[in-house]
Amino acid sequence: MQLVTNEDLNRPEEQLAPLLAQAQKLGELWLEFIKQDVETYEYHVVDYGERDRSGGIHASEMSKCMLKVVYSIMGVERKTTAEAIEANMKLRMRTGTAIHSMIQSDFKRMAEWYTKNHSAEGLALSFESELKVKGELQDVAQAWDLSSSCDGAFTFWRWDGTQWVAYLRVGVEIKTSSAPSYEARRKPDYDHMEQTCLYQACLDLPIMWVLYYNKSNSNFTTPFAPWLFKFDRHKWENDLEMRFAKAHHHAETRQLPDRTEGKHCGWCPFGYLCKPKILNRPAYNATPVINQGMLVRRP
């Protein structure tokens, strides 16, 4: 039995059930690892600048505004001005980036710990972070000019007497959340479902775990439904690929679509071009009120 590619989802349900059950244990395994993790460790945080992002369609940008997608396909220069940036949101994003790196480090060391304890049984686990989606690696990414990076994927291995054989792969996408937002969640956000669907299609990941991490108390969404789910081929073929085709048509004909305004405009690198009205609101332009006592160390 194996659940390694999207094609494997066509296997009978009775064959998939034990594999899905094993994927559901990843949350418990993480907690077990944390309990015994007493060794020194470190992790490296890389926060890529907006201007360093390549052109093409990005998984994290494709759901909220078609104009942003078209500008990216066209290779329009990405730039932001200090006046348009909501500094508090940028700080929150930096915190999220650091937590991503921490969890990715945990998962890599967890996989090594699991393998050390189960290799004698002919079982092993590996974790690869930052799986790249780009034209040089996948035909489908080349076809649609896709450029992204999935947070990571677990692979379970079995020794067949001659070599290690992969029998289960589980993609992971990490999202940080404030306490109120986390408590209100009942299912993954629609744009996160679309983002992970792109990863699953390009990286051939049959199941995906969207891990929301509560920044206030370190609770997280465990790998059970609705946070763990199978690849949705209908969503990919009928929603996402159709949207990609429409975006490329706009780019080729230079007929720009209307912008879709929202909070996302506050950190959009193309706001200087489309000039959304939301950036003219007082909340984005007012000088923040800061208690000076919070900025200096008291004697």
Protein backbone atom coordinates (compact mmCIF):
# COMPACT_ATOMS: atom_id res chain seq x y z
CA MET A 1 0.00 0.00 0.00
CA GLN A 2 1.19 3.52 -0.73
CA LEU A 3 -0.10 7.08 -0.85
CA VAL A 4 2.76 8.94 -2.47
CA THR A 5 1.26 10.64 -5.56
CA ASN A 6 -2.08 12.15 -6.51
CA GLU A 7 -2.73 9.11 -8.71
CA ASP A 8 -2.62 6.93 -5.59
CA LEU A 9 -5.84 8.62 -4.42
CA ASN A 10 -7.66 6.40 -6.94
CA ARG A 11 -6.90 3.36 -4.79
CA PRO A 12 -9.79 1.73 -2.86
CA GLU A 13 -10.79 3.55 0.31
CA GLU A 14 -9.97 0.54 2.47
CA GLN A 15 -6.35 0.81 1.29
CA LEU A 16 -6.15 4.55 1.89
CA ALA A 17 -7.72 4.54 5.37
CA PRO A 18 -4.70 3.18 7.32
CA LEU A 19 -2.37 5.57 5.50
CA LEU A 20 -4.57 8.55 6.30
CA ALA A 21 -4.70 7.36 9.91
CA GLN A 22 -0.89 7.39 10.02
CA ALA A 23 -0.81 10.92 8.63
CA GLN A 24 -3.21 11.95 11.40
CA LYS A 25 -0.61 10.95 14.01
CA LEU A 26 1.87 13.64 12.92
CA GLY A 27 0.51 16.13 15.45
CA GLU A 28 0.89 13.68 18.33
CA LEU A 29 4.35 12.78 17.08
CA TRP A 30 5.39 16.44 17.17
CA LEU A 31 4.26 16.77 20.79
CA GLU A 32 6.08 13.56 21.73
CA PHE A 33 9.23 14.91 20.15
CA ILE A 34 8.95 18.24 21.96
CA LYS A 35 8.65 16.49 25.34
CA GLN A 36 11.98 14.70 24.93
CA ASP A 37 13.80 17.43 23.01
CA VAL A 38 16.49 18.51 25.48
CA GLU A 39 19.42 18.98 23.09
CA THR A 40 20.80 22.34 21.95
CA TYR A 41 19.39 23.43 18.62
CA GLU A 42 19.25 26.46 16.38
CA TYR A 43 17.35 27.49 13.30
CA HIS A 44 18.00 30.01 10.55
CA VAL A 45 15.40 32.59 9.49
CA VAL A 46 15.38 33.95 5.94
CA ASP A 47 12.83 36.66 5.14
CA TYR A 48 12.90 37.28 1.40
CA GLY A 49 12.35 40.87 0.39
CA GLU A 50 9.36 41.75 -1.77
CA ARG A 51 11.57 43.16 -4.51
CA ASP A 52 13.46 39.86 -4.79
CA ARG A 53 10.31 37.94 -5.73
CA SER A 54 10.28 36.68 -9.32
CA GLY A 55 7.54 37.31 -11.87
CA GLY A 56 4.81 34.86 -12.76
CA ILE A 57 1.93 33.52 -10.69
CA HIS A 58 2.54 33.03 -6.96
CA ALA A 59 0.36 30.73 -4.87
CA SER A 60 0.03 33.26 -2.05
CA GLU A 61 -1.08 36.05 -4.42
CA MET A 62 -3.57 34.42 -6.77
CA SER A 63 -6.80 34.54 -4.77
CA LYS A 64 -7.54 38.11 -3.73
CA CYS A 65 -6.83 40.39 -6.72
CA MET A 66 -6.60 39.47 -10.40
CA LEU A 67 -4.81 42.73 -11.21
CA LYS A 68 -1.94 41.77 -8.90
CA VAL A 69 -1.61 38.41 -10.69
CA VAL A 70 -1.56 40.09 -14.11
CA TYR A 71 1.04 42.66 -13.07
CA SER A 72 3.25 39.81 -11.80
CA ILE A 73 2.91 37.84 -15.05
CA MET A 74 3.84 40.99 -16.98
CA GLY A 75 6.99 41.38 -14.88
CA VAL A 76 6.02 44.81 -13.59
CA GLU A 77 8.51 46.20 -11.06
CA ARG A 78 7.64 45.43 -7.45
CA LYS A 79 8.19 48.28 -5.06
CA THR A 80 6.67 49.73 -1.94
CA THR A 81 6.90 53.11 -0.30
CA ALA A 82 7.24 53.67 3.42
CA GLU A 83 4.10 55.82 3.37
CA ALA A 84 1.99 52.89 2.13
CA ILE A 85 3.30 50.32 4.59
CA GLU A 86 1.34 49.41 7.71
CA ALA A 87 4.31 48.87 10.04
CA ASN A 88 2.42 46.78 12.59
CA MET A 89 1.33 44.33 9.91
CA LYS A 90 4.92 44.07 8.68
CA LEU A 91 6.08 43.25 12.22
CA ARG A 92 3.40 40.56 12.48
CA MET A 93 4.56 39.05 9.20
CA ARG A 94 8.14 38.95 10.46
CA THR A 95 6.99 37.07 13.56
CA GLY A 96 5.17 34.61 11.32
CA THR A 97 8.30 34.04 9.25
CA ALA A 98 10.32 33.24 12.38
CA ILE A 99 7.68 30.76 13.60
CA HIS A 100 7.72 29.06 10.20
CA SER A 101 11.45 28.49 10.53
CA MET A 102 11.08 27.20 14.08
CA ILE A 103 8.44 24.63 13.09
CA GLN A 104 10.37 23.54 10.00
CA SER A 105 13.41 22.98 12.22
CA ASP A 106 11.27 20.99 14.67
CA PHE A 107 9.91 18.78 11.90
CA LYS A 108 13.34 18.03 10.45
CA ARG A 109 14.73 17.06 13.85
CA MET A 110 11.53 15.15 14.66
CA ALA A 111 11.96 13.07 11.50
CA GLU A 112 15.55 12.26 12.46
CA TRP A 113 14.43 11.27 15.98
CA TYR A 114 11.66 9.05 14.59
CA THR A 115 14.06 7.34 12.21
CA LYS A 116 16.60 6.73 14.96
CA ASN A 117 13.93 5.01 17.06
CA HIS A 118 12.23 3.01 14.29
CA SER A 119 14.89 2.13 11.72
CA ALA A 120 15.39 -1.28 13.37
CA GLU A 121 11.72 -1.96 12.55
CA GLY A 122 12.33 -1.04 8.92
CA LEU A 123 10.61 2.36 9.22
CA ALA A 124 11.90 5.89 8.66
CA LEU A 125 10.64 9.46 8.28
CA SER A 126 12.07 12.46 6.47
CA PHE A 127 11.03 16.11 6.20
CA GLU A 128 11.99 18.46 3.38
CA SER A 129 11.29 22.17 3.75
CA GLU A 130 10.72 24.86 1.11
CA LEU A 131 9.68 22.66 -1.80
CA LYS A 132 10.06 24.76 -4.93
CA VAL A 133 7.40 25.22 -7.60
CA LYS A 134 8.99 26.58 -10.77
CA GLY A 135 9.13 25.98 -14.49
CA GLU A 136 12.54 24.30 -14.46
CA LEU A 137 11.21 21.60 -12.11
CA GLN A 138 7.61 20.89 -13.15
CA ASP A 139 5.95 20.95 -16.57
CA VAL A 140 2.70 22.29 -15.14
CA ALA A 141 4.57 25.15 -13.46
CA GLN A 142 6.21 25.99 -16.77
CA ALA A 143 2.89 25.87 -18.61
CA TRP A 144 1.26 28.44 -16.31
CA ASP A 145 4.40 30.40 -15.26
CA LEU A 146 4.02 29.40 -11.63
CA SER A 147 6.63 30.32 -9.03
CA SER A 148 6.16 29.45 -5.35
CA SER A 149 7.46 27.50 -2.39
CA CYS A 150 5.55 25.04 -0.18
CA ASP A 151 6.56 25.04 3.49
CA GLY A 152 7.41 21.36 3.45
CA ALA A 153 6.47 17.69 3.17
CA PHE A 154 6.87 14.55 5.24
CA THR A 155 7.79 11.23 3.63
CA PHE A 156 7.35 7.91 5.42
CA TRP A 157 9.72 5.14 4.31
CA ARG A 158 9.73 1.34 4.57
CA TRP A 159 12.71 -1.01 4.13
CA ASP A 160 11.80 -3.70 1.60
CA GLY A 161 14.87 -5.83 2.25
CA THR A 162 16.91 -4.11 -0.44
CA GLN A 163 16.22 -0.40 -0.26
CA TRP A 164 14.13 2.29 1.42
CA VAL A 165 10.80 2.80 -0.38
CA ALA A 166 8.49 5.78 0.15
CA TYR A 167 4.94 4.78 1.03
CA LEU A 168 3.30 7.99 2.35
CA ARG A 169 3.79 11.69 1.61
CA VAL A 170 2.09 14.54 3.48
CA GLY A 171 2.47 18.18 2.51
CA VAL A 172 2.49 20.86 5.24
CA GLU A 173 1.59 24.52 4.99
CA ILE A 174 2.12 26.64 8.12
CA LYS A 175 0.01 29.69 8.94
CA THR A 176 0.33 31.80 12.09
CA SER A 177 -2.74 33.25 13.71
CA SER A 178 -3.68 35.65 16.50
CA ALA A 179 -5.66 34.16 19.38
CA PRO A 180 -9.07 35.64 18.37
CA SER A 181 -8.66 34.54 14.75
CA TYR A 182 -7.50 31.10 15.78
CA GLU A 183 -10.43 30.53 18.13
CA ALA A 184 -12.87 31.60 15.41
CA ARG A 185 -11.51 29.17 12.82
CA ARG A 186 -13.68 26.26 11.75
CA LYS A 187 -11.93 25.41 8.49
CA PRO A 188 -8.98 26.66 6.39
CA ASP A 189 -9.41 30.02 4.65
CA TYR A 190 -10.49 29.72 1.02
CA ASP A 191 -7.30 31.35 -0.27
CA HIS A 192 -5.20 28.92 1.78
CA MET A 193 -7.14 26.02 0.23
CA GLU A 194 -6.38 27.38 -3.23
CA GLN A 195 -2.73 27.96 -2.34
CA THR A 196 -2.28 24.40 -1.12
CA CYS A 197 -4.18 23.00 -4.10
CA LEU A 198 -1.54 24.57 -6.36
CA TYR A 199 1.22 22.97 -4.30
CA GLN A 200 -0.46 19.58 -4.44
CA ALA A 201 -0.92 19.75 -8.21
CA CYS A 202 2.65 20.84 -8.95
CA LEU A 203 4.47 18.78 -6.31
CA ASP A 204 2.22 15.71 -6.67
CA LEU A 205 1.26 15.76 -2.99
CA PRO A 206 -1.83 13.60 -2.38
CA ILE A 207 -2.66 14.96 1.08
CA MET A 208 -1.99 18.27 2.78
CA TRP A 209 -2.01 19.50 6.37
CA VAL A 210 -2.73 23.19 6.93
CA LEU A 211 -1.21 23.93 10.33
CA TYR A 212 -2.55 27.10 11.93
CA TYR A 213 -0.34 28.08 14.87
CA ASN A 214 -1.79 30.22 17.65
CA LYS A 215 0.88 32.80 18.48
CA SER A 216 -0.59 33.41 21.95
CA ASN A 217 -0.54 29.90 23.41
CA SER A 218 1.16 27.65 20.80
CA ASN A 219 -1.98 25.58 20.12
CA PHE A 220 -2.18 24.31 16.56
CA THR A 221 -4.67 22.67 14.21
CA THR A 222 -4.02 18.93 14.26
CA PRO A 223 -3.87 16.80 11.09
CA PHE A 224 -7.53 15.79 11.06
CA ALA A 225 -10.31 17.03 8.80
CA PRO A 226 -10.83 19.79 7.84
CA TRP A 227 -7.15 20.66 8.35
CA LEU A 228 -5.96 17.48 6.61
CA PHE A 229 -7.39 16.91 3.15
CA LYS A 230 -6.87 15.15 -0.18
CA PHE A 231 -5.90 16.80 -3.45
CA ASP A 232 -8.97 18.41 -5.05
CA ARG A 233 -8.57 17.84 -8.79
CA HIS A 234 -11.87 19.56 -9.56
CA LYS A 235 -10.72 22.76 -7.85
CA TRP A 236 -7.43 22.62 -9.72
CA GLU A 237 -8.84 22.02 -13.21
CA ASN A 238 -12.08 24.00 -13.04
CA ASP A 239 -11.14 26.90 -10.78
CA LEU A 240 -7.41 27.53 -10.68
CA GLU A 241 -6.35 26.59 -14.20
CA MET A 242 -9.27 28.60 -15.60
CA ARG A 243 -8.15 31.61 -13.54
CA PHE A 244 -4.56 31.20 -14.75
CA ALA A 245 -5.77 31.16 -18.36
CA LYS A 246 -7.79 34.34 -17.79
CA ALA A 247 -4.84 36.09 -16.13
CA HIS A 248 -2.50 35.21 -19.00
CA HIS A 249 -5.07 36.49 -21.50
CA HIS A 250 -5.17 39.84 -19.68
CA ALA A 251 -1.38 40.01 -19.67
CA GLU A 252 -1.06 39.13 -23.36
CA THR A 253 -3.73 41.60 -24.52
CA ARG A 254 -2.66 44.30 -22.02
CA GLN A 255 -6.31 44.68 -21.00
CA LEU A 256 -5.96 45.08 -17.26
CA PRO A 257 -8.72 43.76 -14.99
CA ASP A 258 -10.23 45.84 -12.20
CA ARG A 259 -8.44 45.82 -8.87
CA THR A 260 -9.98 44.17 -5.84
CA GLU A 261 -9.45 46.32 -2.78
CA GLY A 262 -8.96 45.09 0.76
CA LYS A 263 -6.48 44.89 3.63
CA HIS A 264 -4.06 43.12 1.29
CA CYS A 265 -3.54 46.45 -0.53
CA GLY A 266 -1.57 47.62 2.51
CA TRP A 267 1.38 45.42 1.55
CA CYS A 268 0.86 45.06 -2.21
CA PRO A 269 4.02 45.87 -4.22
CA PHE A 270 1.91 47.24 -7.09
CA GLY A 271 -0.13 49.74 -5.06
CA TYR A 272 2.01 52.55 -6.43
CA LEU A 273 0.53 51.79 -9.87
CA CYS A 274 -3.15 51.05 -9.25
CA LYS A 275 -3.42 53.51 -6.32
CA PRO A 276 -6.21 51.81 -4.35
CA LYS A 277 -8.50 54.15 -2.44
CA ILE A 278 -7.96 52.19 0.77
CA LEU A 279 -4.41 53.57 1.03
CA ASN A 280 -5.82 57.09 1.30
CA ARG A 281 -7.80 56.26 4.44
CA PRO A 282 -6.64 57.85 7.73
CA ALA A 283 -5.83 54.44 9.25
CA TYR A 284 -3.05 54.03 6.73
CA ASN A 285 -1.73 57.59 6.83
CA ALA A 286 -2.11 58.77 10.40
CA THR A 287 0.97 58.98 12.58
CA PRO A 288 0.67 56.18 15.15
CA VAL A 289 0.26 57.20 18.77
CA ILE A 290 3.08 55.62 20.79
CA ASN A 291 3.53 55.72 24.52
CA GLN A 292 7.17 56.78 24.88
CA GLY A 293 7.46 54.81 28.09
CA MET A 294 7.09 51.66 26.03
CA LEU A 295 10.17 52.50 23.95
CA VAL A 296 12.73 53.17 26.67
CA ARG A 297 14.03 51.01 29.46
CA ARG A 298 12.95 52.19 32.86
CA PRO A 299 15.66 52.57 35.56
